[in-house]
């Protein structure tokens, strides 16, 4: 595993599209818990986006400390879609939770789609913070550096993202089929932004 940020840029823009709407730096930002999905589902999803010429930002760096890099917030702002891979230990990463809060802030501002993917986790565990999500917050509550305002903001963000229409891995026989559907969903959303791009 290398300590670097990988931004894959595919040649998917056109001059007519540039005139119609301002292109962002990339199409998709992927938020994920590295220890859960970096070497399997997320890497396969990232590859599928690349193969379909979907410009994707994915951060492969291992965070040092609690502060999220300003470059990550910039990448979210410069993306049209955020795909949030909610796995078993997503909530145990303060890095992921800070990303999620920022993603939902840009969603509220408009022009930013959010697609939750419930990867081997029940959406109700995310929505109500039960199971491993409950254990993560119990740990945060014991840590004096996390105040209640921050924890409530993180919990609200998890509830909000779990209430969005998303994709559940348990509904698919293979990950390949799930990834195919996610790619189609992203392309449909991008087509609404840049109609000439994905015809």
N, C-alpha and C. Protein backbone atom coordinates (compact mmCIF):
# COMPACT_ATOMS: atom_id res chain seq x y z
N UNK A 1 0.85 -1.19 0.00
CA UNK A 1 0.00 0.00 0.00
C UNK A 1 0.88 1.23 0.00
N UNK A 2 0.67 2.12 -0.93
CA UNK A 2 1.48 3.33 -1.01
C UNK A 2 0.79 4.48 -0.31
N UNK A 3 1.58 5.38 0.24
CA UNK A 3 1.05 6.53 0.95
C UNK A 3 0.84 7.67 -0.04
N UNK A 4 -0.16 7.55 -0.87
CA UNK A 4 -0.40 8.59 -1.86
C UNK A 4 -1.86 8.66 -2.21
N UNK A 5 -2.23 9.80 -2.79
CA UNK A 5 -3.60 9.97 -3.26
C UNK A 5 -3.62 9.68 -4.73
N UNK A 6 -4.52 8.83 -5.15
CA UNK A 6 -4.64 8.49 -6.56
C UNK A 6 -5.89 9.13 -7.11
N UNK A 7 -5.72 10.01 -8.09
CA UNK A 7 -6.85 10.60 -8.77
C UNK A 7 -6.82 10.11 -10.20
N UNK A 8 -7.82 9.34 -10.60
CA UNK A 8 -7.86 8.83 -11.95
C UNK A 8 -8.71 9.75 -12.80
N UNK A 9 -8.14 10.22 -13.91
CA UNK A 9 -8.87 11.10 -14.80
C UNK A 9 -9.01 10.43 -16.14
N UNK A 10 -10.24 10.24 -16.58
CA UNK A 10 -10.50 9.64 -17.88
C UNK A 10 -10.90 10.74 -18.84
N UNK A 11 -10.62 10.56 -20.11
CA UNK A 11 -10.94 11.55 -21.12
C UNK A 11 -12.42 11.45 -21.48
N UNK A 12 -13.25 12.17 -20.71
CA UNK A 12 -14.69 12.05 -20.93
C UNK A 12 -15.36 13.38 -21.20
N UNK A 13 -14.58 14.46 -21.38
CA UNK A 13 -15.18 15.76 -21.58
C UNK A 13 -15.24 16.13 -23.05
N UNK A 14 -16.15 17.04 -23.39
CA UNK A 14 -16.27 17.50 -24.76
C UNK A 14 -16.47 19.00 -24.76
N UNK A 15 -16.14 19.65 -25.89
CA UNK A 15 -16.23 21.10 -25.95
C UNK A 15 -17.67 21.56 -25.83
N UNK A 16 -18.62 20.81 -26.41
CA UNK A 16 -20.02 21.21 -26.32
C UNK A 16 -20.51 21.14 -24.89
N UNK A 17 -20.00 20.15 -24.14
CA UNK A 17 -20.36 20.01 -22.74
C UNK A 17 -19.80 21.18 -21.94
N UNK A 18 -18.58 21.59 -22.26
CA UNK A 18 -17.97 22.71 -21.56
C UNK A 18 -18.80 23.97 -21.70
N UNK A 19 -19.38 24.14 -22.85
CA UNK A 19 -20.17 25.35 -23.10
C UNK A 19 -21.50 25.30 -22.36
N UNK A 20 -22.03 24.08 -22.16
CA UNK A 20 -23.35 23.93 -21.56
C UNK A 20 -23.33 24.11 -20.05
N UNK A 21 -22.28 23.58 -19.39
CA UNK A 21 -22.23 23.62 -17.93
C UNK A 21 -20.78 23.55 -17.48
N UNK A 22 -20.45 24.18 -16.36
CA UNK A 22 -19.07 24.15 -15.88
C UNK A 22 -18.70 22.76 -15.38
N UNK A 23 -17.67 22.18 -15.97
CA UNK A 23 -17.23 20.86 -15.55
C UNK A 23 -16.49 20.94 -14.23
N UNK A 24 -16.75 20.01 -13.35
CA UNK A 24 -15.99 19.93 -12.11
C UNK A 24 -14.73 19.11 -12.40
N UNK A 25 -13.85 19.06 -11.41
CA UNK A 25 -12.57 18.39 -11.62
C UNK A 25 -12.73 16.89 -11.84
N UNK A 26 -13.67 16.28 -11.12
CA UNK A 26 -13.93 14.86 -11.32
C UNK A 26 -15.42 14.58 -11.12
N UNK A 27 -15.83 13.43 -11.61
CA UNK A 27 -17.24 13.05 -11.53
C UNK A 27 -17.61 12.50 -10.16
N UNK A 28 -16.75 11.64 -9.62
CA UNK A 28 -17.12 10.86 -8.42
C UNK A 28 -16.04 10.95 -7.35
N UNK A 29 -16.51 11.10 -6.11
CA UNK A 29 -15.65 10.98 -4.93
C UNK A 29 -16.12 9.73 -4.19
N UNK A 30 -15.18 8.84 -3.84
CA UNK A 30 -15.54 7.62 -3.11
C UNK A 30 -15.11 7.77 -1.65
N UNK A 31 -16.08 7.65 -0.74
CA UNK A 31 -15.79 7.65 0.70
C UNK A 31 -15.90 6.21 1.19
N UNK A 32 -14.85 5.73 1.86
CA UNK A 32 -14.85 4.31 2.27
C UNK A 32 -13.92 4.11 3.46
N UNK A 33 -14.16 3.04 4.18
CA UNK A 33 -13.31 2.62 5.30
C UNK A 33 -12.26 1.69 4.73
N UNK A 34 -11.02 2.17 4.65
CA UNK A 34 -9.96 1.42 3.99
C UNK A 34 -9.77 0.01 4.49
N UNK A 35 -9.77 -0.17 5.79
CA UNK A 35 -9.53 -1.50 6.36
C UNK A 35 -10.61 -2.50 5.98
N UNK A 36 -11.81 -2.00 5.68
CA UNK A 36 -12.93 -2.89 5.33
C UNK A 36 -12.94 -3.25 3.84
N UNK A 37 -12.70 -2.27 2.99
CA UNK A 37 -12.99 -2.50 1.56
C UNK A 37 -11.91 -2.05 0.58
N UNK A 38 -10.80 -1.52 1.06
CA UNK A 38 -9.79 -0.98 0.15
C UNK A 38 -9.31 -2.02 -0.87
N UNK A 39 -9.04 -3.25 -0.41
CA UNK A 39 -8.45 -4.25 -1.28
C UNK A 39 -9.46 -5.18 -1.96
N UNK A 40 -10.74 -4.88 -1.80
CA UNK A 40 -11.73 -5.73 -2.48
C UNK A 40 -12.79 -4.87 -3.16
N UNK A 41 -13.91 -4.65 -2.50
CA UNK A 41 -15.04 -4.00 -3.15
C UNK A 41 -14.71 -2.62 -3.70
N UNK A 42 -14.08 -1.77 -2.89
CA UNK A 42 -13.82 -0.40 -3.34
C UNK A 42 -12.85 -0.37 -4.52
N UNK A 43 -11.84 -1.22 -4.49
CA UNK A 43 -10.89 -1.23 -5.62
C UNK A 43 -11.58 -1.71 -6.89
N UNK A 44 -12.51 -2.65 -6.77
CA UNK A 44 -13.24 -3.14 -7.95
C UNK A 44 -14.21 -2.07 -8.48
N UNK A 45 -14.83 -1.35 -7.57
CA UNK A 45 -15.74 -0.27 -7.96
C UNK A 45 -14.96 0.83 -8.66
N UNK A 46 -13.81 1.17 -8.10
CA UNK A 46 -12.96 2.20 -8.70
C UNK A 46 -12.55 1.80 -10.11
N UNK A 47 -12.16 0.54 -10.29
CA UNK A 47 -11.76 0.05 -11.61
C UNK A 47 -12.91 0.12 -12.60
N UNK A 48 -14.11 -0.19 -12.14
CA UNK A 48 -15.29 -0.14 -13.02
C UNK A 48 -15.58 1.29 -13.45
N UNK A 49 -15.43 2.25 -12.56
CA UNK A 49 -15.61 3.66 -12.94
C UNK A 49 -14.59 4.04 -14.01
N UNK A 50 -13.36 3.65 -13.80
CA UNK A 50 -12.29 3.98 -14.75
C UNK A 50 -12.58 3.39 -16.12
N UNK A 51 -13.02 2.13 -16.14
CA UNK A 51 -13.32 1.46 -17.41
C UNK A 51 -14.47 2.13 -18.16
N UNK A 52 -15.35 2.79 -17.41
CA UNK A 52 -16.49 3.48 -18.02
C UNK A 52 -16.22 4.99 -18.20
N UNK A 53 -14.94 5.36 -18.11
CA UNK A 53 -14.51 6.74 -18.35
C UNK A 53 -15.18 7.74 -17.39
N UNK A 54 -15.39 7.29 -16.18
CA UNK A 54 -15.94 8.15 -15.13
C UNK A 54 -14.77 8.66 -14.29
N UNK A 55 -14.56 9.95 -14.30
CA UNK A 55 -13.45 10.55 -13.57
C UNK A 55 -13.68 10.37 -12.07
N UNK A 56 -12.70 9.79 -11.39
CA UNK A 56 -12.89 9.38 -10.00
C UNK A 56 -11.75 9.83 -9.10
N UNK A 57 -12.11 10.33 -7.92
CA UNK A 57 -11.13 10.64 -6.89
C UNK A 57 -11.27 9.59 -5.79
N UNK A 58 -10.16 8.95 -5.48
CA UNK A 58 -10.15 7.99 -4.38
C UNK A 58 -8.88 8.21 -3.58
N UNK A 59 -9.01 8.29 -2.28
CA UNK A 59 -7.88 8.60 -1.41
C UNK A 59 -7.34 7.31 -0.81
N UNK A 60 -6.13 6.93 -1.20
CA UNK A 60 -5.53 5.71 -0.69
C UNK A 60 -4.56 5.95 0.46
N UNK A 61 -4.49 7.20 0.91
CA UNK A 61 -3.57 7.48 2.01
C UNK A 61 -4.10 6.95 3.33
N UNK A 62 -3.21 6.52 4.18
CA UNK A 62 -3.58 6.11 5.53
C UNK A 62 -3.51 7.36 6.40
N UNK A 63 -4.62 7.82 6.96
CA UNK A 63 -4.63 9.07 7.73
C UNK A 63 -3.70 9.02 8.93
N UNK A 64 -3.00 10.12 9.15
CA UNK A 64 -2.15 10.27 10.33
C UNK A 64 -2.83 11.29 11.25
N UNK A 65 -3.30 10.85 12.40
CA UNK A 65 -4.01 11.75 13.32
C UNK A 65 -5.47 11.87 12.95
N UNK A 66 -6.13 12.82 13.58
CA UNK A 66 -7.57 12.95 13.43
C UNK A 66 -8.01 13.97 12.39
N UNK A 67 -7.11 14.90 12.02
CA UNK A 67 -7.53 15.97 11.14
C UNK A 67 -7.56 15.52 9.69
N UNK A 68 -8.68 15.79 9.05
CA UNK A 68 -8.83 15.42 7.66
C UNK A 68 -8.14 16.46 6.79
N UNK A 69 -7.53 16.02 5.74
CA UNK A 69 -6.77 16.92 4.87
C UNK A 69 -7.70 17.88 4.13
N UNK A 70 -7.33 19.17 4.02
CA UNK A 70 -8.14 20.12 3.25
C UNK A 70 -8.31 19.69 1.80
N UNK A 71 -7.35 18.92 1.29
CA UNK A 71 -7.44 18.46 -0.10
C UNK A 71 -8.62 17.51 -0.30
N UNK A 72 -9.00 16.80 0.78
CA UNK A 72 -10.15 15.90 0.68
C UNK A 72 -11.44 16.70 0.56
N UNK A 73 -11.58 17.74 1.38
CA UNK A 73 -12.76 18.60 1.28
C UNK A 73 -12.84 19.24 -0.10
N UNK A 74 -11.70 19.63 -0.63
CA UNK A 74 -11.64 20.23 -1.96
C UNK A 74 -12.09 19.22 -3.02
N UNK A 75 -11.65 17.97 -2.87
CA UNK A 75 -12.03 16.92 -3.82
C UNK A 75 -13.53 16.65 -3.79
N UNK A 76 -14.11 16.70 -2.59
CA UNK A 76 -15.57 16.50 -2.47
C UNK A 76 -16.29 17.64 -3.17
N UNK A 77 -15.85 18.86 -2.90
CA UNK A 77 -16.48 20.04 -3.50
C UNK A 77 -16.40 20.01 -5.02
N UNK A 78 -15.31 19.45 -5.55
CA UNK A 78 -15.08 19.45 -6.99
C UNK A 78 -15.63 18.21 -7.68
N UNK A 79 -16.45 17.44 -6.98
CA UNK A 79 -17.07 16.24 -7.55
C UNK A 79 -18.57 16.45 -7.72
N UNK A 80 -19.13 15.76 -8.69
CA UNK A 80 -20.57 15.82 -8.91
C UNK A 80 -21.33 14.81 -8.06
N UNK A 81 -20.69 13.70 -7.76
CA UNK A 81 -21.34 12.59 -7.04
C UNK A 81 -20.40 12.06 -5.97
N UNK A 82 -20.94 11.75 -4.80
CA UNK A 82 -20.18 11.03 -3.77
C UNK A 82 -20.81 9.66 -3.58
N UNK A 83 -20.00 8.63 -3.69
CA UNK A 83 -20.44 7.27 -3.39
C UNK A 83 -19.89 6.92 -2.01
N UNK A 84 -20.79 6.69 -1.07
CA UNK A 84 -20.39 6.42 0.32
C UNK A 84 -20.55 4.92 0.59
N UNK A 85 -19.42 4.24 0.75
CA UNK A 85 -19.43 2.79 0.99
C UNK A 85 -19.50 2.56 2.49
N UNK A 86 -20.70 2.28 2.96
CA UNK A 86 -20.94 2.10 4.40
C UNK A 86 -20.73 0.63 4.77
N UNK A 87 -19.57 0.36 5.33
CA UNK A 87 -19.20 -1.00 5.70
C UNK A 87 -19.27 -1.17 7.22
N UNK A 88 -18.89 -2.35 7.67
CA UNK A 88 -19.05 -2.71 9.09
C UNK A 88 -18.39 -1.70 10.04
N UNK A 89 -17.19 -1.27 9.72
CA UNK A 89 -16.45 -0.39 10.63
C UNK A 89 -16.30 1.03 10.09
N UNK A 90 -17.19 1.44 9.21
CA UNK A 90 -17.14 2.81 8.67
C UNK A 90 -17.19 3.83 9.80
N UNK A 91 -18.07 3.62 10.76
CA UNK A 91 -18.27 4.59 11.85
C UNK A 91 -17.11 4.62 12.84
N UNK A 92 -16.23 3.64 12.78
CA UNK A 92 -15.09 3.62 13.70
C UNK A 92 -13.96 4.51 13.21
N UNK A 93 -14.15 5.15 12.07
CA UNK A 93 -13.16 6.07 11.53
C UNK A 93 -13.68 7.50 11.61
N UNK A 94 -13.01 8.33 12.43
CA UNK A 94 -13.41 9.74 12.50
C UNK A 94 -13.17 10.42 11.16
N UNK A 95 -12.19 9.93 10.43
CA UNK A 95 -11.89 10.45 9.09
C UNK A 95 -13.11 10.27 8.19
N UNK A 96 -13.69 9.07 8.19
CA UNK A 96 -14.88 8.79 7.36
C UNK A 96 -16.06 9.66 7.78
N UNK A 97 -16.25 9.79 9.08
CA UNK A 97 -17.39 10.57 9.58
C UNK A 97 -17.27 12.04 9.21
N UNK A 98 -16.06 12.57 9.26
CA UNK A 98 -15.86 13.97 8.85
C UNK A 98 -16.11 14.13 7.35
N UNK A 99 -15.66 13.16 6.58
CA UNK A 99 -15.95 13.18 5.13
C UNK A 99 -17.45 13.20 4.89
N UNK A 100 -18.16 12.33 5.59
CA UNK A 100 -19.60 12.20 5.39
C UNK A 100 -20.33 13.50 5.71
N UNK A 101 -19.96 14.16 6.81
CA UNK A 101 -20.59 15.43 7.17
C UNK A 101 -20.39 16.45 6.04
N UNK A 102 -19.17 16.51 5.51
CA UNK A 102 -18.87 17.48 4.44
C UNK A 102 -19.62 17.12 3.16
N UNK A 103 -19.71 15.84 2.85
CA UNK A 103 -20.45 15.38 1.66
C UNK A 103 -21.91 15.84 1.73
N UNK A 104 -22.52 15.65 2.89
CA UNK A 104 -23.93 16.01 3.05
C UNK A 104 -24.12 17.53 3.06
N UNK A 105 -23.11 18.26 3.50
CA UNK A 105 -23.19 19.72 3.43
C UNK A 105 -23.26 20.18 1.97
N UNK A 106 -22.44 19.58 1.12
CA UNK A 106 -22.46 19.95 -0.30
C UNK A 106 -23.75 19.48 -0.97
N UNK A 107 -24.30 18.37 -0.51
CA UNK A 107 -25.58 17.92 -1.04
C UNK A 107 -26.66 18.97 -0.77
N UNK A 108 -26.66 19.51 0.44
CA UNK A 108 -27.65 20.52 0.81
C UNK A 108 -27.52 21.79 -0.03
N UNK A 109 -26.29 22.10 -0.44
CA UNK A 109 -26.07 23.29 -1.26
C UNK A 109 -26.60 23.10 -2.68
N UNK A 110 -26.84 21.86 -3.07
CA UNK A 110 -27.38 21.56 -4.39
C UNK A 110 -26.30 21.20 -5.39
N UNK A 111 -26.68 20.39 -6.38
CA UNK A 111 -25.75 20.02 -7.43
C UNK A 111 -24.76 18.93 -7.06
N UNK A 112 -24.98 18.27 -5.92
CA UNK A 112 -24.09 17.19 -5.51
C UNK A 112 -24.93 15.99 -5.12
N UNK A 113 -24.81 14.90 -5.87
CA UNK A 113 -25.56 13.68 -5.60
C UNK A 113 -24.81 12.82 -4.59
N UNK A 114 -25.56 12.11 -3.74
CA UNK A 114 -24.97 11.20 -2.76
C UNK A 114 -25.60 9.83 -2.93
N UNK A 115 -24.76 8.82 -3.13
CA UNK A 115 -25.24 7.45 -3.31
C UNK A 115 -24.65 6.57 -2.20
N UNK A 116 -25.49 6.13 -1.25
CA UNK A 116 -24.99 5.22 -0.21
C UNK A 116 -24.96 3.78 -0.72
N UNK A 117 -23.91 3.07 -0.33
CA UNK A 117 -23.80 1.64 -0.63
C UNK A 117 -23.64 0.92 0.70
N UNK A 118 -24.60 0.08 1.04
CA UNK A 118 -24.57 -0.64 2.30
C UNK A 118 -23.86 -1.97 2.05
N UNK A 119 -22.57 -1.97 2.35
CA UNK A 119 -21.74 -3.13 2.02
C UNK A 119 -21.64 -4.07 3.23
N UNK A 120 -22.38 -5.16 3.15
CA UNK A 120 -22.40 -6.17 4.21
C UNK A 120 -22.77 -5.58 5.56
N UNK A 121 -23.66 -4.58 5.52
CA UNK A 121 -24.16 -3.98 6.75
C UNK A 121 -25.62 -3.65 6.55
N UNK A 122 -26.41 -3.83 7.59
CA UNK A 122 -27.84 -3.53 7.52
C UNK A 122 -28.05 -2.02 7.58
N UNK A 123 -28.82 -1.46 6.65
CA UNK A 123 -29.08 -0.01 6.67
C UNK A 123 -29.60 0.48 8.01
N UNK A 124 -30.37 -0.35 8.72
CA UNK A 124 -30.91 0.08 10.02
C UNK A 124 -29.81 0.26 11.06
N UNK A 125 -28.70 -0.49 10.93
CA UNK A 125 -27.57 -0.32 11.85
C UNK A 125 -26.94 1.05 11.66
N UNK A 126 -26.92 1.48 10.40
CA UNK A 126 -26.37 2.81 10.08
C UNK A 126 -27.34 3.89 10.56
N UNK A 127 -28.61 3.70 10.23
CA UNK A 127 -29.64 4.70 10.53
C UNK A 127 -29.79 4.93 12.03
N UNK A 128 -29.79 3.85 12.79
CA UNK A 128 -30.05 3.95 14.23
C UNK A 128 -28.78 3.80 15.08
N UNK A 129 -27.65 3.64 14.42
CA UNK A 129 -26.36 3.43 15.08
C UNK A 129 -26.44 2.28 16.09
N UNK A 130 -26.72 1.11 15.56
CA UNK A 130 -26.71 -0.11 16.36
C UNK A 130 -25.58 -1.01 15.86
N UNK A 131 -25.40 -2.16 16.51
CA UNK A 131 -24.35 -3.08 16.09
C UNK A 131 -22.97 -2.47 16.21
N UNK A 132 -22.13 -2.63 15.20
CA UNK A 132 -20.77 -2.10 15.24
C UNK A 132 -20.77 -0.57 15.27
N UNK A 133 -21.82 0.05 14.73
CA UNK A 133 -21.92 1.51 14.75
C UNK A 133 -22.14 2.00 16.19
N UNK A 134 -22.92 1.26 16.93
CA UNK A 134 -23.14 1.61 18.34
C UNK A 134 -21.84 1.49 19.13
N UNK A 135 -21.08 0.41 18.87
CA UNK A 135 -19.82 0.20 19.57
C UNK A 135 -18.83 1.33 19.28
N UNK A 136 -18.84 1.80 18.03
CA UNK A 136 -17.93 2.90 17.66
C UNK A 136 -18.25 4.15 18.46
N UNK A 137 -19.54 4.46 18.60
CA UNK A 137 -19.93 5.68 19.32
C UNK A 137 -19.75 5.53 20.83
N UNK A 138 -19.88 4.33 21.33
CA UNK A 138 -19.61 4.11 22.76
C UNK A 138 -18.14 4.42 23.06
N UNK A 139 -17.28 4.07 22.13
CA UNK A 139 -15.85 4.35 22.28
C UNK A 139 -15.60 5.86 22.21
N UNK A 140 -16.26 6.53 21.28
CA UNK A 140 -16.10 7.99 21.16
C UNK A 140 -16.56 8.70 22.43
N UNK A 141 -17.65 8.22 23.00
CA UNK A 141 -18.20 8.86 24.20
C UNK A 141 -17.26 8.74 25.40
N UNK A 142 -16.40 7.74 25.37
CA UNK A 142 -15.43 7.57 26.47
C UNK A 142 -14.18 8.43 26.26
N UNK A 143 -14.06 8.96 25.05
CA UNK A 143 -12.89 9.75 24.70
C UNK A 143 -13.20 11.24 24.92
N UNK A 144 -12.50 11.88 25.83
CA UNK A 144 -12.81 13.26 26.20
C UNK A 144 -12.61 14.26 25.06
N UNK A 145 -11.85 13.88 24.04
CA UNK A 145 -11.60 14.84 22.96
C UNK A 145 -12.78 14.96 22.00
N UNK A 146 -13.77 14.08 22.14
CA UNK A 146 -14.96 14.15 21.29
C UNK A 146 -16.13 14.71 22.11
N UNK A 147 -16.54 15.93 21.83
CA UNK A 147 -17.66 16.51 22.59
C UNK A 147 -18.99 16.04 22.01
N UNK A 148 -20.04 16.23 22.77
CA UNK A 148 -21.36 15.73 22.39
C UNK A 148 -21.89 16.38 21.12
N UNK A 149 -21.58 17.64 20.91
CA UNK A 149 -22.04 18.33 19.69
C UNK A 149 -21.50 17.64 18.46
N UNK A 150 -20.23 17.29 18.50
CA UNK A 150 -19.59 16.60 17.37
C UNK A 150 -20.22 15.22 17.15
N UNK A 151 -20.44 14.49 18.24
CA UNK A 151 -21.01 13.14 18.12
C UNK A 151 -22.43 13.19 17.57
N UNK A 152 -23.21 14.17 18.00
CA UNK A 152 -24.58 14.29 17.50
C UNK A 152 -24.58 14.62 16.01
N UNK A 153 -23.62 15.42 15.58
CA UNK A 153 -23.50 15.77 14.16
C UNK A 153 -23.17 14.53 13.34
N UNK A 154 -22.26 13.70 13.85
CA UNK A 154 -21.90 12.47 13.15
C UNK A 154 -23.08 11.50 13.10
N UNK A 155 -23.79 11.38 14.21
CA UNK A 155 -24.96 10.48 14.23
C UNK A 155 -26.03 10.95 13.26
N UNK A 156 -26.26 12.26 13.23
CA UNK A 156 -27.27 12.82 12.32
C UNK A 156 -26.88 12.57 10.87
N UNK A 157 -25.59 12.65 10.57
CA UNK A 157 -25.12 12.42 9.21
C UNK A 157 -25.35 10.96 8.80
N UNK A 158 -25.09 10.03 9.71
CA UNK A 158 -25.31 8.61 9.41
C UNK A 158 -26.80 8.32 9.20
N UNK A 159 -27.64 8.93 10.04
CA UNK A 159 -29.08 8.74 9.87
C UNK A 159 -29.54 9.30 8.53
N UNK A 160 -29.03 10.47 8.18
CA UNK A 160 -29.43 11.11 6.92
C UNK A 160 -29.01 10.28 5.71
N UNK A 161 -27.77 9.81 5.70
CA UNK A 161 -27.30 9.06 4.53
C UNK A 161 -28.03 7.71 4.42
N UNK A 162 -28.38 7.12 5.57
CA UNK A 162 -29.08 5.83 5.56
C UNK A 162 -30.52 5.98 5.08
N UNK A 163 -31.05 7.20 5.12
CA UNK A 163 -32.42 7.44 4.65
C UNK A 163 -32.48 7.74 3.15
N UNK A 164 -31.31 7.85 2.52
CA UNK A 164 -31.28 8.08 1.07
C UNK A 164 -31.46 6.76 0.33
N UNK A 165 -31.92 6.84 -0.88
CA UNK A 165 -32.04 5.64 -1.71
C UNK A 165 -30.63 5.19 -2.09
N UNK A 166 -30.33 3.94 -1.78
CA UNK A 166 -28.99 3.44 -2.07
C UNK A 166 -29.00 2.00 -2.52
N UNK A 167 -27.85 1.35 -2.38
CA UNK A 167 -27.67 -0.02 -2.84
C UNK A 167 -27.23 -0.90 -1.68
N UNK A 168 -27.80 -2.11 -1.61
CA UNK A 168 -27.48 -3.05 -0.53
C UNK A 168 -26.82 -4.29 -1.12
N UNK A 169 -25.64 -4.61 -0.63
CA UNK A 169 -24.90 -5.75 -1.18
C UNK A 169 -25.64 -7.07 -0.98
N UNK A 170 -26.43 -7.15 0.09
CA UNK A 170 -27.13 -8.41 0.38
C UNK A 170 -28.21 -8.73 -0.65
N UNK A 171 -28.57 -7.75 -1.46
CA UNK A 171 -29.60 -7.97 -2.49
C UNK A 171 -29.03 -8.49 -3.82
N UNK A 172 -27.71 -8.72 -3.84
CA UNK A 172 -27.08 -9.15 -5.09
C UNK A 172 -26.30 -10.44 -4.88
N UNK A 173 -26.36 -11.29 -5.88
CA UNK A 173 -25.69 -12.59 -5.79
C UNK A 173 -24.18 -12.42 -5.83
N UNK A 174 -23.71 -11.48 -6.65
CA UNK A 174 -22.28 -11.23 -6.75
C UNK A 174 -21.98 -9.74 -6.63
N UNK A 175 -20.76 -9.42 -6.26
CA UNK A 175 -20.35 -8.01 -6.19
C UNK A 175 -20.30 -7.39 -7.58
N UNK A 176 -20.01 -8.20 -8.57
CA UNK A 176 -19.96 -7.71 -9.95
C UNK A 176 -21.31 -7.12 -10.35
N UNK A 177 -22.39 -7.84 -10.01
CA UNK A 177 -23.72 -7.35 -10.35
C UNK A 177 -24.04 -6.04 -9.61
N UNK A 178 -23.65 -5.96 -8.35
CA UNK A 178 -23.87 -4.75 -7.57
C UNK A 178 -23.12 -3.57 -8.17
N UNK A 179 -21.86 -3.79 -8.51
CA UNK A 179 -21.04 -2.73 -9.09
C UNK A 179 -21.60 -2.26 -10.43
N UNK A 180 -22.09 -3.18 -11.22
CA UNK A 180 -22.73 -2.81 -12.50
C UNK A 180 -23.88 -1.83 -12.27
N UNK A 181 -24.70 -2.11 -11.27
CA UNK A 181 -25.85 -1.25 -10.99
C UNK A 181 -25.42 0.12 -10.47
N UNK A 182 -24.39 0.14 -9.65
CA UNK A 182 -23.89 1.41 -9.14
C UNK A 182 -23.34 2.26 -10.27
N UNK A 183 -22.59 1.66 -11.16
CA UNK A 183 -22.04 2.39 -12.31
C UNK A 183 -23.16 2.96 -13.17
N UNK A 184 -24.20 2.18 -13.41
CA UNK A 184 -25.34 2.66 -14.20
C UNK A 184 -26.01 3.85 -13.50
N UNK A 185 -26.16 3.75 -12.18
CA UNK A 185 -26.78 4.82 -11.40
C UNK A 185 -25.97 6.11 -11.52
N UNK A 186 -24.66 5.99 -11.37
CA UNK A 186 -23.79 7.17 -11.47
C UNK A 186 -23.88 7.77 -12.86
N UNK A 187 -23.85 6.94 -13.89
CA UNK A 187 -23.90 7.45 -15.26
C UNK A 187 -25.22 8.16 -15.54
N UNK A 188 -26.30 7.65 -14.99
CA UNK A 188 -27.61 8.31 -15.17
C UNK A 188 -27.61 9.68 -14.50
N UNK A 189 -27.01 9.77 -13.33
CA UNK A 189 -26.94 11.06 -12.63
C UNK A 189 -26.04 12.05 -13.37
N UNK A 190 -24.93 11.56 -13.88
CA UNK A 190 -24.04 12.43 -14.64
C UNK A 190 -24.69 12.89 -15.94
N UNK A 191 -25.50 12.02 -16.52
CA UNK A 191 -26.20 12.37 -17.76
C UNK A 191 -27.18 13.51 -17.54
N UNK A 192 -27.72 13.60 -16.32
CA UNK A 192 -28.64 14.70 -15.99
C UNK A 192 -27.88 16.02 -15.90
N UNK A 193 -26.59 15.94 -15.56
CA UNK A 193 -25.77 17.14 -15.45
C UNK A 193 -25.19 17.52 -16.81
N UNK A 194 -24.64 16.51 -17.50
CA UNK A 194 -24.01 16.73 -18.81
C UNK A 194 -24.65 15.81 -19.83
N UNK A 195 -25.81 16.17 -20.37
CA UNK A 195 -26.57 15.28 -21.25
C UNK A 195 -25.80 14.75 -22.45
N UNK A 196 -24.89 15.55 -23.01
CA UNK A 196 -24.19 15.11 -24.22
C UNK A 196 -23.01 14.19 -23.90
N UNK A 197 -22.64 14.13 -22.63
CA UNK A 197 -21.42 13.44 -22.25
C UNK A 197 -21.53 11.92 -22.33
N UNK A 198 -22.66 11.37 -21.88
CA UNK A 198 -22.76 9.92 -21.75
C UNK A 198 -23.78 9.30 -22.68
N UNK A 199 -24.10 10.02 -23.77
CA UNK A 199 -25.05 9.46 -24.72
C UNK A 199 -24.40 8.26 -25.44
